[in-house]
Amino acid sequence: MGVDLPYTVVWQSKVGPKAWLKPSLLEGIANFYKQGFTNLLVTPLGFTSDHIETLHELDIEMMEEVHKHKYEKVV
């Protein structure tokens, strides 16, 4: 398609006391903003149906982080 856009894979849904894979979803959002990006596209690869944990993380936690960094557009 002739488009070269940066991307990263991030992890969500930390469960239990053991270390989780990095970077987290929230760290990924902060890192892209620090690099100067103001638009963001997030695509969940796991629970793509109405899984309540994913909905909470994307609809509430992620949007709080996005608003904190003042992203212009989030899809």
PDB file of N, CA and C in Angstrom:
ATOM      1  N   MET A   1       0.820  -1.206   0.000  1.00  0.00           N
ATOM      2  CA  MET A   1       0.000   0.000   0.000  1.00  0.00           C
ATOM      3  C   MET A   1       0.853   1.254   0.000  1.00  0.00           C
ATOM      4  N   GLY A   2       2.154   1.111   0.163  1.00  0.00           N
ATOM      5  CA  GLY A   2       3.018   2.283   0.124  1.00  0.00           C
ATOM      6  C   GLY A   2       3.011   3.116   1.385  1.00  0.00           C
ATOM      7  N   VAL A   3       2.507   2.583   2.476  1.00  0.00           N
ATOM      8  CA  VAL A   3       2.443   3.318   3.739  1.00  0.00           C
ATOM      9  C   VAL A   3       3.369   2.631   4.739  1.00  0.00           C
ATOM     10  N   ASP A   4       4.250   3.408   5.326  1.00  0.00           N
ATOM     11  CA  ASP A   4       5.183   2.866   6.312  1.00  0.00           C
ATOM     12  C   ASP A   4       4.894   3.512   7.659  1.00  0.00           C
ATOM     13  N   LEU A   5       4.025   2.884   8.436  1.00  0.00           N
ATOM     14  CA  LEU A   5       3.639   3.431   9.729  1.00  0.00           C
ATOM     15  C   LEU A   5       4.283   2.630  10.855  1.00  0.00           C
ATOM     16  N   PRO A   6       4.707   3.303  11.910  1.00  0.00           N
ATOM     17  CA  PRO A   6       5.298   2.585  13.041  1.00  0.00           C
ATOM     18  C   PRO A   6       4.223   1.799  13.797  1.00  0.00           C
ATOM     19  N   TYR A   7       4.639   0.693  14.371  1.00  0.00           N
ATOM     20  CA  TYR A   7       3.713  -0.087  15.173  1.00  0.00           C
ATOM     21  C   TYR A   7       4.495  -0.814  16.262  1.00  0.00           C
ATOM     22  N   THR A   8       3.765  -1.294  17.230  1.00  0.00           N
ATOM     23  CA  THR A   8       4.357  -2.101  18.283  1.00  0.00           C
ATOM     24  C   THR A   8       3.311  -3.069  18.797  1.00  0.00           C
ATOM     25  N   VAL A   9       3.752  -4.160  19.355  1.00  0.00           N
ATOM     26  CA  VAL A   9       2.856  -5.105  20.011  1.00  0.00           C
ATOM     27  C   VAL A   9       2.978  -4.859  21.507  1.00  0.00           C
ATOM     28  N   VAL A  10       1.845  -4.693  22.163  1.00  0.00           N
ATOM     29  CA  VAL A  10       1.830  -4.471  23.607  1.00  0.00           C
ATOM     30  C   VAL A  10       0.969  -5.548  24.258  1.00  0.00           C
ATOM     31  N   TRP A  11       1.038  -5.617  25.560  1.00  0.00           N
ATOM     32  CA  TRP A  11       0.359  -6.670  26.303  1.00  0.00           C
ATOM     33  C   TRP A  11      -0.586  -6.073  27.323  1.00  0.00           C
ATOM     34  N   GLN A  12      -1.674  -6.775  27.583  1.00  0.00           N
ATOM     35  CA  GLN A  12      -2.630  -6.345  28.600  1.00  0.00           C
ATOM     36  C   GLN A  12      -3.040  -7.554  29.429  1.00  0.00           C
ATOM     37  N   SER A  13      -3.853  -7.331  30.424  1.00  0.00           N
ATOM     38  CA  SER A  13      -4.425  -8.387  31.254  1.00  0.00           C
ATOM     39  C   SER A  13      -3.407  -9.071  32.157  1.00  0.00           C
ATOM     40  N   LYS A  14      -2.610  -8.287  32.872  1.00  0.00           N
ATOM     41  CA  LYS A  14      -1.678  -8.876  33.832  1.00  0.00           C
ATOM     42  C   LYS A  14      -2.478  -9.579  34.922  1.00  0.00           C
ATOM     43  N   VAL A  15      -2.127 -10.831  35.170  1.00  0.00           N
ATOM     44  CA  VAL A  15      -2.819 -11.612  36.187  1.00  0.00           C
ATOM     45  C   VAL A  15      -1.778 -12.265  37.096  1.00  0.00           C
ATOM     46  N   GLY A  16      -1.974 -12.146  38.384  1.00  0.00           N
ATOM     47  CA  GLY A  16      -1.094 -12.822  39.333  1.00  0.00           C
ATOM     48  C   GLY A  16       0.165 -12.042  39.660  1.00  0.00           C
ATOM     49  N   PRO A  17       0.994 -12.607  40.546  1.00  0.00           N
ATOM     50  CA  PRO A  17       2.166 -11.893  41.052  1.00  0.00           C
ATOM     51  C   PRO A  17       3.412 -11.961  40.159  1.00  0.00           C
ATOM     52  N   LYS A  18       3.433 -12.836  39.169  1.00  0.00           N
ATOM     53  CA  LYS A  18       4.621 -12.983  38.333  1.00  0.00           C
ATOM     54  C   LYS A  18       4.752 -11.823  37.347  1.00  0.00           C
ATOM     55  N   ALA A  19       5.980 -11.602  36.894  1.00  0.00           N
ATOM     56  CA  ALA A  19       6.237 -10.545  35.907  1.00  0.00           C
ATOM     57  C   ALA A  19       5.444 -10.831  34.635  1.00  0.00           C
ATOM     58  N   TRP A  20       4.969  -9.792  34.012  1.00  0.00           N
ATOM     59  CA  TRP A  20       4.157  -9.903  32.803  1.00  0.00           C
ATOM     60  C   TRP A  20       4.985  -9.456  31.606  1.00  0.00           C
ATOM     61  N   LEU A  21       4.543  -9.805  30.437  1.00  0.00           N
ATOM     62  CA  LEU A  21       5.237  -9.390  29.223  1.00  0.00           C
ATOM     63  C   LEU A  21       5.190  -7.876  29.071  1.00  0.00           C
ATOM     64  N   LYS A  22       6.203  -7.314  28.478  1.00  0.00           N
ATOM     65  CA  LYS A  22       6.319  -5.857  28.317  1.00  0.00           C
ATOM     66  C   LYS A  22       6.461  -5.512  26.842  1.00  0.00           C
ATOM     67  N   PRO A  23       6.078  -4.334  26.438  1.00  0.00           N
ATOM     68  CA  PRO A  23       5.476  -3.267  27.236  1.00  0.00           C
ATOM     69  C   PRO A  23       3.978  -3.500  27.420  1.00  0.00           C
ATOM     70  N   SER A  24       3.439  -2.891  28.449  1.00  0.00           N
ATOM     71  CA  SER A  24       2.000  -2.972  28.679  1.00  0.00           C
ATOM     72  C   SER A  24       1.288  -2.045  27.694  1.00  0.00           C
ATOM     73  N   LEU A  25      -0.008  -2.201  27.589  1.00  0.00           N
ATOM     74  CA  LEU A  25      -0.807  -1.328  26.734  1.00  0.00           C
ATOM     75  C   LEU A  25      -0.603   0.136  27.117  1.00  0.00           C
ATOM     76  N   LEU A  26      -0.666   0.423  28.411  1.00  0.00           N
ATOM     77  CA  LEU A  26      -0.534   1.812  28.866  1.00  0.00           C
ATOM     78  C   LEU A  26       0.867   2.353  28.612  1.00  0.00           C
ATOM     79  N   GLU A  27       1.899   1.511  28.777  1.00  0.00           N
ATOM     80  CA  GLU A  27       3.265   1.942  28.461  1.00  0.00           C
ATOM     81  C   GLU A  27       3.409   2.220  26.969  1.00  0.00           C
ATOM     82  N   GLY A  28       2.791   1.401  26.152  1.00  0.00           N
ATOM     83  CA  GLY A  28       2.850   1.601  24.708  1.00  0.00           C
ATOM     84  C   GLY A  28       2.227   2.920  24.285  1.00  0.00           C
ATOM     85  N   ILE A  29       1.108   3.260  24.886  1.00  0.00           N
ATOM     86  CA  ILE A  29       0.447   4.532  24.588  1.00  0.00           C
ATOM     87  C   ILE A  29       1.357   5.699  24.967  1.00  0.00           C
ATOM     88  N   ALA A  30       1.950   5.634  26.152  1.00  0.00           N
ATOM     89  CA  ALA A  30       2.850   6.699  26.603  1.00  0.00           C
ATOM     90  C   ALA A  30       4.086   6.789  25.718  1.00  0.00           C
ATOM     91  N   ASN A  31       4.654   5.642  25.333  1.00  0.00           N
ATOM     92  CA  ASN A  31       5.862   5.637  24.499  1.00  0.00           C
ATOM     93  C   ASN A  31       5.625   6.261  23.127  1.00  0.00           C
ATOM     94  N   PHE A  32       4.504   5.947  22.489  1.00  0.00           N
ATOM     95  CA  PHE A  32       4.219   6.542  21.182  1.00  0.00           C
ATOM     96  C   PHE A  32       4.052   8.053  21.300  1.00  0.00           C
ATOM     97  N   TYR A  33       3.393   8.503  22.374  1.00  0.00           N
ATOM     98  CA  TYR A  33       3.212   9.944  22.548  1.00  0.00           C
ATOM     99  C   TYR A  33       4.561  10.630  22.749  1.00  0.00           C
ATOM    100  N   LYS A  34       5.452  10.012  23.515  1.00  0.00           N
ATOM    101  CA  LYS A  34       6.785  10.584  23.745  1.00  0.00           C
ATOM    102  C   LYS A  34       7.571  10.694  22.438  1.00  0.00           C
ATOM    103  N   GLN A  35       7.265   9.840  21.472  1.00  0.00           N
ATOM    104  CA  GLN A  35       7.928   9.884  20.175  1.00  0.00           C
ATOM    105  C   GLN A  35       7.311  10.935  19.246  1.00  0.00           C
ATOM    106  N   GLY A  36       6.273  11.622  19.710  1.00  0.00           N
ATOM    107  CA  GLY A  36       5.684  12.705  18.933  1.00  0.00           C
ATOM    108  C   GLY A  36       4.429  12.346  18.155  1.00  0.00           C
ATOM    109  N   PHE A  37       3.920  11.135  18.330  1.00  0.00           N
ATOM    110  CA  PHE A  37       2.701  10.750  17.620  1.00  0.00           C
ATOM    111  C   PHE A  37       1.482  11.265  18.362  1.00  0.00           C
ATOM    112  N   THR A  38       0.484  11.746  17.628  1.00  0.00           N
ATOM    113  CA  THR A  38      -0.727  12.263  18.252  1.00  0.00           C
ATOM    114  C   THR A  38      -1.977  11.529  17.796  1.00  0.00           C
ATOM    115  N   ASN A  39      -1.823  10.532  16.934  1.00  0.00           N
ATOM    116  CA  ASN A  39      -2.935   9.694  16.502  1.00  0.00           C
ATOM    117  C   ASN A  39      -2.579   8.248  16.821  1.00  0.00           C
ATOM    118  N   LEU A  40      -3.580   7.459  17.156  1.00  0.00           N
ATOM    119  CA  LEU A  40      -3.328   6.108  17.635  1.00  0.00           C
ATOM    120  C   LEU A  40      -4.419   5.169  17.147  1.00  0.00           C
ATOM    121  N   LEU A  41      -4.019   3.998  16.677  1.00  0.00           N
ATOM    122  CA  LEU A  41      -4.950   2.934  16.306  1.00  0.00           C
ATOM    123  C   LEU A  41      -4.620   1.729  17.174  1.00  0.00           C
ATOM    124  N   VAL A  42      -5.590   1.230  17.917  1.00  0.00           N
ATOM    125  CA  VAL A  42      -5.400   0.071  18.782  1.00  0.00           C
ATOM    126  C   VAL A  42      -6.284  -1.050  18.270  1.00  0.00           C
ATOM    127  N   THR A  43      -5.682  -2.203  18.053  1.00  0.00           N
ATOM    128  CA  THR A  43      -6.420  -3.370  17.575  1.00  0.00           C
ATOM    129  C   THR A  43      -6.171  -4.540  18.513  1.00  0.00           C
ATOM    130  N   PRO A  44      -7.178  -4.944  19.282  1.00  0.00           N
ATOM    131  CA  PRO A  44      -6.980  -6.089  20.170  1.00  0.00           C
ATOM    132  C   PRO A  44      -6.913  -7.372  19.350  1.00  0.00           C
ATOM    133  N   LEU A  45      -5.864  -8.143  19.556  1.00  0.00           N
ATOM    134  CA  LEU A  45      -5.698  -9.383  18.802  1.00  0.00           C
ATOM    135  C   LEU A  45      -6.301 -10.578  19.525  1.00  0.00           C
ATOM    136  N   GLY A  46      -6.480 -10.449  20.809  1.00  0.00           N
ATOM    137  CA  GLY A  46      -7.042 -11.539  21.599  1.00  0.00           C
ATOM    138  C   GLY A  46      -8.550 -11.457  21.632  1.00  0.00           C
ATOM    139  N   PHE A  47      -9.095 -11.289  22.793  1.00  0.00           N
ATOM    140  CA  PHE A  47     -10.544 -11.285  23.000  1.00  0.00           C
ATOM    141  C   PHE A  47     -11.226 -10.201  22.167  1.00  0.00           C
ATOM    142  N   THR A  48     -11.578 -10.525  20.954  1.00  0.00           N
ATOM    143  CA  THR A  48     -12.179  -9.523  20.075  1.00  0.00           C
ATOM    144  C   THR A  48     -13.680  -9.409  20.259  1.00  0.00           C
ATOM    145  N   SER A  49     -14.284 -10.311  20.999  1.00  0.00           N
ATOM    146  CA  SER A  49     -15.703 -10.187  21.290  1.00  0.00           C
ATOM    147  C   SER A  49     -15.858  -9.427  22.610  1.00  0.00           C
ATOM    148  N   ASP A  50     -17.051  -9.345  23.098  1.00  0.00           N
ATOM    149  CA  ASP A  50     -17.329  -8.567  24.310  1.00  0.00           C
ATOM    150  C   ASP A  50     -16.830  -9.274  25.563  1.00  0.00           C
ATOM    151  N   HIS A  51     -15.538  -9.341  25.717  1.00  0.00           N
ATOM    152  CA  HIS A  51     -14.934  -9.912  26.915  1.00  0.00           C
ATOM    153  C   HIS A  51     -14.801  -8.763  27.906  1.00  0.00           C
ATOM    154  N   ILE A  52     -15.430  -8.865  29.063  1.00  0.00           N
ATOM    155  CA  ILE A  52     -15.558  -7.744  29.991  1.00  0.00           C
ATOM    156  C   ILE A  52     -14.212  -7.168  30.420  1.00  0.00           C
ATOM    157  N   GLU A  53     -13.196  -8.009  30.600  1.00  0.00           N
ATOM    158  CA  GLU A  53     -11.882  -7.502  31.009  1.00  0.00           C
ATOM    159  C   GLU A  53     -11.276  -6.640  29.906  1.00  0.00           C
ATOM    160  N   THR A  54     -11.369  -7.093  28.672  1.00  0.00           N
ATOM    161  CA  THR A  54     -10.836  -6.317  27.544  1.00  0.00           C
ATOM    162  C   THR A  54     -11.614  -5.021  27.384  1.00  0.00           C
ATOM    163  N   LEU A  55     -12.916  -5.076  27.506  1.00  0.00           N
ATOM    164  CA  LEU A  55     -13.718  -3.856  27.396  1.00  0.00           C
ATOM    165  C   LEU A  55     -13.323  -2.841  28.458  1.00  0.00           C
ATOM    166  N   HIS A  56     -13.103  -3.291  29.689  1.00  0.00           N
ATOM    167  CA  HIS A  56     -12.706  -2.375  30.759  1.00  0.00           C
ATOM    168  C   HIS A  56     -11.343  -1.762  30.456  1.00  0.00           C
ATOM    169  N   GLU A  57     -10.384  -2.595  30.029  1.00  0.00           N
ATOM    170  CA  GLU A  57      -9.037  -2.091  29.772  1.00  0.00           C
ATOM    171  C   GLU A  57      -9.013  -1.132  28.589  1.00  0.00           C
ATOM    172  N   LEU A  58      -9.754  -1.424  27.541  1.00  0.00           N
ATOM    173  CA  LEU A  58      -9.739  -0.555  26.368  1.00  0.00           C
ATOM    174  C   LEU A  58     -10.653   0.652  26.531  1.00  0.00           C
ATOM    175  N   ASP A  59     -11.842   0.460  27.064  1.00  0.00           N
ATOM    176  CA  ASP A  59     -12.811   1.547  27.157  1.00  0.00           C
ATOM    177  C   ASP A  59     -12.545   2.498  28.312  1.00  0.00           C
ATOM    178  N   ILE A  60     -11.920   2.015  29.372  1.00  0.00           N
ATOM    179  CA  ILE A  60     -11.726   2.860  30.552  1.00  0.00           C
ATOM    180  C   ILE A  60     -10.251   3.175  30.768  1.00  0.00           C
ATOM    181  N   GLU A  61      -9.427   2.137  31.044  1.00  0.00           N
ATOM    182  CA  GLU A  61      -8.028   2.386  31.372  1.00  0.00           C
ATOM    183  C   GLU A  61      -7.266   3.007  30.202  1.00  0.00           C
ATOM    184  N   MET A  62      -7.445   2.469  29.005  1.00  0.00           N
ATOM    185  CA  MET A  62      -6.724   2.996  27.853  1.00  0.00           C
ATOM    186  C   MET A  62      -7.137   4.443  27.562  1.00  0.00           C
ATOM    187  N   MET A  63      -8.423   4.717  27.622  1.00  0.00           N
ATOM    188  CA  MET A  63      -8.880   6.072  27.317  1.00  0.00           C
ATOM    189  C   MET A  63      -8.408   7.074  28.361  1.00  0.00           C
ATOM    190  N   GLU A  64      -8.260   6.675  29.613  1.00  0.00           N
ATOM    191  CA  GLU A  64      -7.698   7.575  30.628  1.00  0.00           C
ATOM    192  C   GLU A  64      -6.263   7.936  30.256  1.00  0.00           C
ATOM    193  N   GLU A  65      -5.482   6.947  29.808  1.00  0.00           N
ATOM    194  CA  GLU A  65      -4.096   7.191  29.411  1.00  0.00           C
ATOM    195  C   GLU A  65      -4.035   8.067  28.167  1.00  0.00           C
ATOM    196  N   VAL A  66      -4.903   7.814  27.211  1.00  0.00           N
ATOM    197  CA  VAL A  66      -4.952   8.599  25.972  1.00  0.00           C
ATOM    198  C   VAL A  66      -5.266  10.059  26.280  1.00  0.00           C
ATOM    199  N   HIS A  67      -6.241  10.301  27.150  1.00  0.00           N
ATOM    200  CA  HIS A  67      -6.596  11.678  27.508  1.00  0.00           C
ATOM    201  C   HIS A  67      -5.479  12.361  28.288  1.00  0.00           C
ATOM    202  N   LYS A  68      -4.768  11.608  29.107  1.00  0.00           N
ATOM    203  CA  LYS A  68      -3.643  12.163  29.867  1.00  0.00           C
ATOM    204  C   LYS A  68      -2.576  12.715  28.928  1.00  0.00           C
ATOM    205  N   HIS A  69      -2.332  12.021  27.821  1.00  0.00           N
ATOM    206  CA  HIS A  69      -1.312  12.442  26.869  1.00  0.00           C
ATOM    207  C   HIS A  69      -1.861  13.331  25.754  1.00  0.00           C
ATOM    208  N   LYS A  70      -3.160  13.585  25.789  1.00  0.00           N
ATOM    209  CA  LYS A  70      -3.798  14.508  24.834  1.00  0.00           C
ATOM    210  C   LYS A  70      -3.620  14.086  23.368  1.00  0.00           C
ATOM    211  N   TYR A  71      -3.809  12.798  23.106  1.00  0.00           N
ATOM    212  CA  TYR A  71      -3.829  12.337  21.712  1.00  0.00           C
ATOM    213  C   TYR A  71      -4.939  13.045  20.973  1.00  0.00           C
ATOM    214  N   GLU A  72      -4.724  13.350  19.710  1.00  0.00           N
ATOM    215  CA  GLU A  72      -5.729  14.039  18.904  1.00  0.00           C
ATOM    216  C   GLU A  72      -6.808  13.080  18.417  1.00  0.00           C
ATOM    217  N   LYS A  73      -6.411  11.886  17.984  1.00  0.00           N
ATOM    218  CA  LYS A  73      -7.373  10.937  17.446  1.00  0.00           C
ATOM    219  C   LYS A  73      -6.989   9.525  17.866  1.00  0.00           C
ATOM    220  N   VAL A  74      -7.981   8.777  18.334  1.00  0.00           N
ATOM    221  CA  VAL A  74      -7.778   7.395  18.739  1.00  0.00           C
ATOM    222  C   VAL A  74      -8.867   6.548  18.096  1.00  0.00           C
ATOM    223  N   VAL A  75      -8.452   5.479  17.452  1.00  0.00           N
ATOM    224  CA  VAL A  75      -9.409   4.597  16.783  1.00  0.00           C
ATOM    225  C   VAL A  75      -9.242   3.203  17.348  1.00  0.00           C
TER     226      VAL A  75
END
